[in-house]
Amino acid sequence: MVHERESHNLLEETKGGIVQQLQQQNNDMLGLSAHILKPTQRMVKYKQFLDILLSTAEAFDDVEEVSHAQTLISNILQTSNNLCHLQALSLPHTLTMDCTGELLKQEQFEVIIDSSSTKRLRRVFLFEGAIVIAKEQAGPVLQYLPKYTVLMEEVGLTPYSEEEPTKCVFYTNNTRFTLLAATTSLADTWYKGISQILWGQLKQIKRNRDQSRAKKSRGRTVLRGKM
């Protein structure tokens, strides 16, 4: 595959020359730039096509399959986007994948720390075991530098408020973090995502406690039998 930058340079160099002549001869309406897209770039085009198809077309026999394809491509694009930002995140060496778990969500928020009036634009990563608030570094290569890293076992969540529908607020013993979302649906999604993790932790603690009690109970039963 031709390198993307080289291919675009080639397109600029031959603009109005042989490439344009070949396009006219073959009645090619797309142009060379459409043919040198990366596969990941094509996925965006596929989704746009399916979105238009489902929104404008009348009912047709394959609408269920097209809707399924749209959902599939949307999920692929979201996963690809998450991985792109995750690769740019420079986590501390002490924070392993065993601590963070799988990346569930990542999004850009305006973040307020404690009661400060200052809003800072940050990329927030929600892992199964941690929340990382990172700052984008200036430079030619995308890179994020963590400013705050909070383990989920340390997190508390403020109840969602309909009076402030674009806020998602969580806290630790020392710090309060307010995420200001662009939309109410985004804030609600993140609130539910964090809440689900915390409920999962509580259920696991209860299971561990019940198992511990069951082992102690069995141990006492065996001891009585020996006596």
C-alpha atoms as a PDB file:
ATOM      1  CA  MET A   1       0.000   0.000   0.000  1.00  0.00           C
ATOM      2  CA  VAL A   2       1.306   3.428  -0.911  1.00  0.00           C
ATOM      3  CA  HIS A   3       2.072   5.556   2.129  1.00  0.00           C
ATOM      4  CA  GLU A   4      -0.765   8.002   2.754  1.00  0.00           C
ATOM      5  CA  ARG A   5       1.427  11.103   2.766  1.00  0.00           C
ATOM      6  CA  GLU A   6       3.274  10.012  -0.383  1.00  0.00           C
ATOM      7  CA  SER A   7       0.004   9.268  -2.148  1.00  0.00           C
ATOM      8  CA  HIS A   8      -1.395  12.712  -1.361  1.00  0.00           C
ATOM      9  CA  ASN A   9       1.838  14.330  -2.537  1.00  0.00           C
ATOM     10  CA  LEU A  10       1.586  12.344  -5.756  1.00  0.00           C
ATOM     11  CA  LEU A  11      -1.998  13.523  -6.192  1.00  0.00           C
ATOM     12  CA  GLU A  12      -0.963  17.161  -5.829  1.00  0.00           C
ATOM     13  CA  GLU A  13       1.967  16.770  -8.234  1.00  0.00           C
ATOM     14  CA  THR A  14      -0.159  15.205 -10.963  1.00  0.00           C
ATOM     15  CA  LYS A  15      -3.204  17.441 -10.470  1.00  0.00           C
ATOM     16  CA  GLY A  16      -4.466  18.555 -13.852  1.00  0.00           C
ATOM     17  CA  GLY A  17      -2.138  16.105 -15.643  1.00  0.00           C
ATOM     18  CA  ILE A  18      -2.340  12.463 -16.599  1.00  0.00           C
ATOM     19  CA  VAL A  19      -4.448  11.514 -13.583  1.00  0.00           C
ATOM     20  CA  GLN A  20      -7.187  13.959 -14.552  1.00  0.00           C
ATOM     21  CA  GLN A  21      -7.053  12.761 -18.167  1.00  0.00           C
ATOM     22  CA  LEU A  22      -7.490   9.140 -17.068  1.00  0.00           C
ATOM     23  CA  GLN A  23     -10.420  10.111 -14.858  1.00  0.00           C
ATOM     24  CA  GLN A  24     -12.132  11.836 -17.768  1.00  0.00           C
ATOM     25  CA  GLN A  25     -11.495   8.889 -20.107  1.00  0.00           C
ATOM     26  CA  ASN A  26     -12.964   6.404 -17.632  1.00  0.00           C
ATOM     27  CA  ASN A  27     -15.767   8.692 -16.501  1.00  0.00           C
ATOM     28  CA  ASP A  28     -14.505   8.360 -12.928  1.00  0.00           C
ATOM     29  CA  MET A  29     -16.550  10.764 -10.796  1.00  0.00           C
ATOM     30  CA  LEU A  30     -14.896   9.852  -7.485  1.00  0.00           C
ATOM     31  CA  GLY A  31     -11.391  11.037  -8.179  1.00  0.00           C
ATOM     32  CA  LEU A  32      -8.068   9.592  -7.072  1.00  0.00           C
ATOM     33  CA  SER A  33      -8.401  10.864  -3.500  1.00  0.00           C
ATOM     34  CA  ALA A  34     -11.379   8.545  -2.970  1.00  0.00           C
ATOM     35  CA  HIS A  35      -9.328   5.535  -4.078  1.00  0.00           C
ATOM     36  CA  ILE A  36      -6.380   6.078  -1.732  1.00  0.00           C
ATOM     37  CA  LEU A  37      -8.368   6.170   1.485  1.00  0.00           C
ATOM     38  CA  LYS A  38      -7.174   3.913   4.274  1.00  0.00           C
ATOM     39  CA  PRO A  39      -9.487   0.996   5.168  1.00  0.00           C
ATOM     40  CA  THR A  40     -10.319   2.672   8.488  1.00  0.00           C
ATOM     41  CA  GLN A  41     -11.239   5.867   6.636  1.00  0.00           C
ATOM     42  CA  ARG A  42     -13.526   3.893   4.358  1.00  0.00           C
ATOM     43  CA  MET A  43     -15.445   2.601   7.381  1.00  0.00           C
ATOM     44  CA  VAL A  44     -16.593   6.150   8.114  1.00  0.00           C
ATOM     45  CA  LYS A  45     -17.882   6.437   4.552  1.00  0.00           C
ATOM     46  CA  TYR A  46     -19.719   3.122   4.893  1.00  0.00           C
ATOM     47  CA  LYS A  47     -21.457   4.323   8.053  1.00  0.00           C
ATOM     48  CA  GLN A  48     -22.463   7.599   6.400  1.00  0.00           C
ATOM     49  CA  PHE A  49     -23.910   5.658   3.478  1.00  0.00           C
ATOM     50  CA  LEU A  50     -25.899   3.353   5.767  1.00  0.00           C
ATOM     51  CA  ASP A  51     -27.133   6.294   7.854  1.00  0.00           C
ATOM     52  CA  ILE A  52     -28.427   8.012   4.717  1.00  0.00           C
ATOM     53  CA  LEU A  53     -29.924   4.782   3.403  1.00  0.00           C
ATOM     54  CA  LEU A  54     -31.880   4.107   6.596  1.00  0.00           C
ATOM     55  CA  SER A  55     -33.028   7.703   7.041  1.00  0.00           C
ATOM     56  CA  THR A  56     -34.180   8.427   3.498  1.00  0.00           C
ATOM     57  CA  ALA A  57     -35.208   5.133   1.924  1.00  0.00           C
ATOM     58  CA  GLU A  58     -38.701   3.745   2.103  1.00  0.00           C
ATOM     59  CA  ALA A  59     -39.343   0.386   3.766  1.00  0.00           C
ATOM     60  CA  PHE A  60     -37.456  -2.384   1.982  1.00  0.00           C
ATOM     61  CA  ASP A  61     -36.938  -6.101   2.499  1.00  0.00           C
ATOM     62  CA  ASP A  62     -33.364  -5.913   3.833  1.00  0.00           C
ATOM     63  CA  VAL A  63     -33.892  -3.058   6.299  1.00  0.00           C
ATOM     64  CA  GLU A  64     -33.136  -5.331   9.290  1.00  0.00           C
ATOM     65  CA  GLU A  65     -29.841  -6.486   7.780  1.00  0.00           C
ATOM     66  CA  VAL A  66     -28.864  -2.912   6.879  1.00  0.00           C
ATOM     67  CA  SER A  67     -29.698  -1.764  10.411  1.00  0.00           C
ATOM     68  CA  HIS A  68     -27.554  -4.589  11.807  1.00  0.00           C
ATOM     69  CA  ALA A  69     -24.681  -3.565   9.505  1.00  0.00           C
ATOM     70  CA  GLN A  70     -25.007   0.041  10.669  1.00  0.00           C
ATOM     71  CA  THR A  71     -24.780  -1.039  14.322  1.00  0.00           C
ATOM     72  CA  LEU A  72     -21.808  -3.295  13.582  1.00  0.00           C
ATOM     73  CA  ILE A  73     -19.866  -0.565  11.777  1.00  0.00           C
ATOM     74  CA  SER A  74     -20.687   1.959  14.523  1.00  0.00           C
ATOM     75  CA  ASN A  75     -19.266  -0.423  17.132  1.00  0.00           C
ATOM     76  CA  ILE A  76     -16.144  -1.033  15.034  1.00  0.00           C
ATOM     77  CA  LEU A  77     -15.574   2.702  14.610  1.00  0.00           C
ATOM     78  CA  GLN A  78     -16.050   3.304  18.349  1.00  0.00           C
ATOM     79  CA  THR A  79     -13.587   0.540  19.216  1.00  0.00           C
ATOM     80  CA  SER A  80     -11.073   1.870  16.695  1.00  0.00           C
ATOM     81  CA  ASN A  81     -11.438   5.393  18.106  1.00  0.00           C
ATOM     82  CA  ASN A  82     -10.966   4.123  21.670  1.00  0.00           C
ATOM     83  CA  LEU A  83      -7.811   2.225  20.699  1.00  0.00           C
ATOM     84  CA  CYS A  84      -6.392   5.269  18.903  1.00  0.00           C
ATOM     85  CA  HIS A  85      -6.714   7.426  22.017  1.00  0.00           C
ATOM     86  CA  LEU A  86      -5.623   4.592  24.322  1.00  0.00           C
ATOM     87  CA  GLN A  87      -2.375   4.139  22.374  1.00  0.00           C
ATOM     88  CA  ALA A  88      -1.676   7.846  22.863  1.00  0.00           C
ATOM     89  CA  LEU A  89      -2.122   7.593  26.645  1.00  0.00           C
ATOM     90  CA  SER A  90       1.141   7.337  28.600  1.00  0.00           C
ATOM     91  CA  LEU A  91       0.148   5.484  31.769  1.00  0.00           C
ATOM     92  CA  PRO A  92       2.585   5.264  34.712  1.00  0.00           C
ATOM     93  CA  HIS A  93       4.639   2.053  34.764  1.00  0.00           C
ATOM     94  CA  THR A  94       3.154   1.221  38.164  1.00  0.00           C
ATOM     95  CA  LEU A  95      -0.365   1.159  36.698  1.00  0.00           C
ATOM     96  CA  THR A  96      -0.681  -2.195  34.934  1.00  0.00           C
ATOM     97  CA  MET A  97      -3.554  -3.679  32.953  1.00  0.00           C
ATOM     98  CA  ASP A  98      -4.305  -5.820  36.009  1.00  0.00           C
ATOM     99  CA  CYS A  99      -5.153  -2.590  37.835  1.00  0.00           C
ATOM    100  CA  THR A 100      -7.002  -0.768  35.066  1.00  0.00           C
ATOM    101  CA  GLY A 101      -8.762  -3.639  33.342  1.00  0.00           C
ATOM    102  CA  GLU A 102     -10.439  -3.072  29.979  1.00  0.00           C
ATOM    103  CA  LEU A 103     -11.071   0.402  28.570  1.00  0.00           C
ATOM    104  CA  LEU A 104     -14.843   0.945  28.544  1.00  0.00           C
ATOM    105  CA  LYS A 105     -15.190   4.555  27.431  1.00  0.00           C
ATOM    106  CA  GLN A 106     -13.119   7.612  26.597  1.00  0.00           C
ATOM    107  CA  GLU A 107     -14.368  11.100  25.900  1.00  0.00           C
ATOM    108  CA  GLN A 108     -13.393  14.761  26.031  1.00  0.00           C
ATOM    109  CA  PHE A 109     -14.844  16.821  28.889  1.00  0.00           C
ATOM    110  CA  GLU A 110     -14.418  20.155  30.562  1.00  0.00           C
ATOM    111  CA  VAL A 111     -13.218  19.166  34.027  1.00  0.00           C
ATOM    112  CA  ILE A 112     -13.527  21.085  37.297  1.00  0.00           C
ATOM    113  CA  ILE A 113     -11.443  19.997  40.281  1.00  0.00           C
ATOM    114  CA  ASP A 114     -13.019  20.489  43.732  1.00  0.00           C
ATOM    115  CA  SER A 115     -14.708  23.909  44.034  1.00  0.00           C
ATOM    116  CA  SER A 116     -12.464  25.676  41.529  1.00  0.00           C
ATOM    117  CA  SER A 117     -14.078  27.944  38.944  1.00  0.00           C
ATOM    118  CA  THR A 118     -11.514  26.920  36.321  1.00  0.00           C
ATOM    119  CA  LYS A 119     -12.650  24.552  33.575  1.00  0.00           C
ATOM    120  CA  ARG A 120      -9.932  22.580  31.798  1.00  0.00           C
ATOM    121  CA  LEU A 121     -10.382  20.544  28.643  1.00  0.00           C
ATOM    122  CA  ARG A 122      -9.304  16.988  29.347  1.00  0.00           C
ATOM    123  CA  ARG A 123      -9.568  13.503  27.841  1.00  0.00           C
ATOM    124  CA  VAL A 124     -11.156  11.152  30.383  1.00  0.00           C
ATOM    125  CA  PHE A 125     -10.639   7.385  30.191  1.00  0.00           C
ATOM    126  CA  LEU A 126     -13.004   5.036  32.021  1.00  0.00           C
ATOM    127  CA  PHE A 127     -11.451   1.636  32.681  1.00  0.00           C
ATOM    128  CA  GLU A 128     -12.977  -1.263  34.583  1.00  0.00           C
ATOM    129  CA  GLY A 129     -10.642  -0.542  37.500  1.00  0.00           C
ATOM    130  CA  ALA A 130      -9.665   3.123  37.167  1.00  0.00           C
ATOM    131  CA  ILE A 131     -10.538   6.582  35.857  1.00  0.00           C
ATOM    132  CA  VAL A 132      -7.739   8.535  34.176  1.00  0.00           C
ATOM    133  CA  ILE A 133      -7.995  12.263  33.460  1.00  0.00           C
ATOM    134  CA  ALA A 134      -5.338  13.258  30.925  1.00  0.00           C
ATOM    135  CA  LYS A 135      -4.101  16.365  29.161  1.00  0.00           C
ATOM    136  CA  GLU A 136      -3.323  16.384  25.456  1.00  0.00           C
ATOM    137  CA  GLN A 137       0.314  17.255  24.799  1.00  0.00           C
ATOM    138  CA  ALA A 138       1.211  19.726  22.082  1.00  0.00           C
ATOM    139  CA  GLY A 139       3.165  18.197  19.219  1.00  0.00           C
ATOM    140  CA  PRO A 140       2.919  16.469  15.844  1.00  0.00           C
ATOM    141  CA  VAL A 141       2.013  13.109  17.443  1.00  0.00           C
ATOM    142  CA  LEU A 142      -1.131  12.614  19.519  1.00  0.00           C
ATOM    143  CA  GLN A 143      -0.167  12.013  23.141  1.00  0.00           C
ATOM    144  CA  TYR A 144      -1.975  12.255  26.482  1.00  0.00           C
ATOM    145  CA  LEU A 145      -0.288  12.862  29.825  1.00  0.00           C
ATOM    146  CA  PRO A 146      -2.267  11.686  32.904  1.00  0.00           C
ATOM    147  CA  LYS A 147      -3.040  14.458  35.382  1.00  0.00           C
ATOM    148  CA  TYR A 148      -5.195  12.377  37.743  1.00  0.00           C
ATOM    149  CA  THR A 149      -5.442   8.600  38.099  1.00  0.00           C
ATOM    150  CA  VAL A 150      -8.118   7.249  40.440  1.00  0.00           C
ATOM    151  CA  LEU A 151      -8.726   3.565  41.187  1.00  0.00           C
ATOM    152  CA  MET A 152     -12.416   2.609  41.088  1.00  0.00           C
ATOM    153  CA  GLU A 153     -12.182   1.178  44.613  1.00  0.00           C
ATOM    154  CA  GLU A 154     -11.552   4.759  45.802  1.00  0.00           C
ATOM    155  CA  VAL A 155     -14.428   6.333  43.832  1.00  0.00           C
ATOM    156  CA  GLY A 156     -17.765   7.614  45.101  1.00  0.00           C
ATOM    157  CA  LEU A 157     -20.480   8.879  42.761  1.00  0.00           C
ATOM    158  CA  THR A 158     -22.764  11.870  43.300  1.00  0.00           C
ATOM    159  CA  PRO A 159     -26.390  11.131  42.295  1.00  0.00           C
ATOM    160  CA  TYR A 160     -27.384  12.338  38.842  1.00  0.00           C
ATOM    161  CA  SER A 161     -29.266  15.653  38.978  1.00  0.00           C
ATOM    162  CA  GLU A 162     -31.920  16.685  36.446  1.00  0.00           C
ATOM    163  CA  GLU A 163     -31.236  20.302  37.447  1.00  0.00           C
ATOM    164  CA  GLU A 164     -27.655  19.933  36.137  1.00  0.00           C
ATOM    165  CA  PRO A 165     -28.131  17.333  33.379  1.00  0.00           C
ATOM    166  CA  THR A 166     -24.742  17.847  31.694  1.00  0.00           C
ATOM    167  CA  LYS A 167     -22.726  17.139  34.858  1.00  0.00           C
ATOM    168  CA  CYS A 168     -21.239  13.853  36.009  1.00  0.00           C
ATOM    169  CA  VAL A 169     -19.627  14.179  39.447  1.00  0.00           C
ATOM    170  CA  PHE A 170     -17.453  11.628  41.224  1.00  0.00           C
ATOM    171  CA  TYR A 171     -15.114  11.972  44.185  1.00  0.00           C
ATOM    172  CA  THR A 172     -12.450  10.384  46.375  1.00  0.00           C
ATOM    173  CA  ASN A 173     -11.591  11.078  50.015  1.00  0.00           C
ATOM    174  CA  ASN A 174      -9.485  14.051  48.932  1.00  0.00           C
ATOM    175  CA  THR A 175     -10.776  15.329  45.587  1.00  0.00           C
ATOM    176  CA  ARG A 176     -14.039  16.084  43.795  1.00  0.00           C
ATOM    177  CA  PHE A 177     -14.161  15.785  40.001  1.00  0.00           C
ATOM    178  CA  THR A 178     -16.899  17.416  37.911  1.00  0.00           C
ATOM    179  CA  LEU A 179     -17.165  16.340  34.263  1.00  0.00           C
ATOM    180  CA  LEU A 180     -19.041  18.844  32.108  1.00  0.00           C
ATOM    181  CA  ALA A 181     -20.392  16.978  29.081  1.00  0.00           C
ATOM    182  CA  ALA A 182     -21.361  18.442  25.719  1.00  0.00           C
ATOM    183  CA  THR A 183     -24.802  16.791  25.902  1.00  0.00           C
ATOM    184  CA  THR A 184     -27.152  15.466  28.559  1.00  0.00           C
ATOM    185  CA  SER A 185     -27.075  11.997  26.988  1.00  0.00           C
ATOM    186  CA  LEU A 186     -23.270  11.865  27.273  1.00  0.00           C
ATOM    187  CA  ALA A 187     -23.366  12.843  30.955  1.00  0.00           C
ATOM    188  CA  ASP A 188     -26.101  10.265  31.599  1.00  0.00           C
ATOM    189  CA  THR A 189     -24.127   7.548  29.769  1.00  0.00           C
ATOM    190  CA  TRP A 190     -21.014   8.185  31.861  1.00  0.00           C
ATOM    191  CA  TYR A 191     -22.988   8.335  35.096  1.00  0.00           C
ATOM    192  CA  LYS A 192     -24.569   4.968  34.303  1.00  0.00           C
ATOM    193  CA  GLY A 193     -21.196   3.528  33.238  1.00  0.00           C
ATOM    194  CA  ILE A 194     -19.467   4.491  36.503  1.00  0.00           C
ATOM    195  CA  SER A 195     -22.511   3.451  38.536  1.00  0.00           C
ATOM    196  CA  GLN A 196     -22.536   0.022  36.902  1.00  0.00           C
ATOM    197  CA  ILE A 197     -18.878  -0.560  37.805  1.00  0.00           C
ATOM    198  CA  LEU A 198     -19.466   0.482  41.423  1.00  0.00           C
ATOM    199  CA  TRP A 199     -22.519  -1.767  41.746  1.00  0.00           C
ATOM    200  CA  GLY A 200     -20.460  -4.610  40.315  1.00  0.00           C
ATOM    201  CA  GLN A 201     -17.812  -4.022  42.970  1.00  0.00           C
ATOM    202  CA  LEU A 202     -20.431  -4.079  45.745  1.00  0.00           C
ATOM    203  CA  LYS A 203     -21.874  -7.346  44.426  1.00  0.00           C
ATOM    204  CA  GLN A 204     -18.392  -8.880  44.309  1.00  0.00           C
ATOM    205  CA  ILE A 205     -17.707  -7.784  47.895  1.00  0.00           C
ATOM    206  CA  LYS A 206     -21.001  -9.388  48.973  1.00  0.00           C
ATOM    207  CA  ARG A 207     -20.154 -12.628  47.129  1.00  0.00           C
ATOM    208  CA  ASN A 208     -16.709 -12.740  48.759  1.00  0.00           C
ATOM    209  CA  ARG A 209     -18.242 -12.127  52.184  1.00  0.00           C
ATOM    210  CA  ASP A 210     -20.873 -14.832  51.670  1.00  0.00           C
ATOM    211  CA  GLN A 211     -18.207 -17.312  50.525  1.00  0.00           C
ATOM    212  CA  SER A 212     -16.066 -16.472  53.559  1.00  0.00           C
ATOM    213  CA  ARG A 213     -19.033 -17.028  55.900  1.00  0.00           C
ATOM    214  CA  ALA A 214     -19.868 -20.325  54.171  1.00  0.00           C
ATOM    215  CA  LYS A 215     -16.278 -21.577  54.624  1.00  0.00           C
ATOM    216  CA  LYS A 216     -16.310 -20.617  58.307  1.00  0.00           C
ATOM    217  CA  SER A 217     -19.664 -22.347  58.758  1.00  0.00           C
ATOM    218  CA  ARG A 218     -18.388 -25.544  57.110  1.00  0.00           C
ATOM    219  CA  GLY A 219     -15.285 -25.396  59.276  1.00  0.00           C
ATOM    220  CA  ARG A 220     -17.352 -25.170  62.483  1.00  0.00           C
ATOM    221  CA  THR A 221     -19.536 -28.092  61.308  1.00  0.00           C
ATOM    222  CA  VAL A 222     -16.497 -30.301  60.700  1.00  0.00           C
ATOM    223  CA  LEU A 223     -15.051 -29.344  64.093  1.00  0.00           C
ATOM    224  CA  ARG A 224     -18.291 -30.277  65.906  1.00  0.00           C
ATOM    225  CA  GLY A 225     -18.329 -33.629  64.060  1.00  0.00           C
ATOM    226  CA  LYS A 226     -14.838 -34.472  65.296  1.00  0.00           C
ATOM    227  CA  MET A 227     -15.763 -33.576  68.843  1.00  0.00           C
END
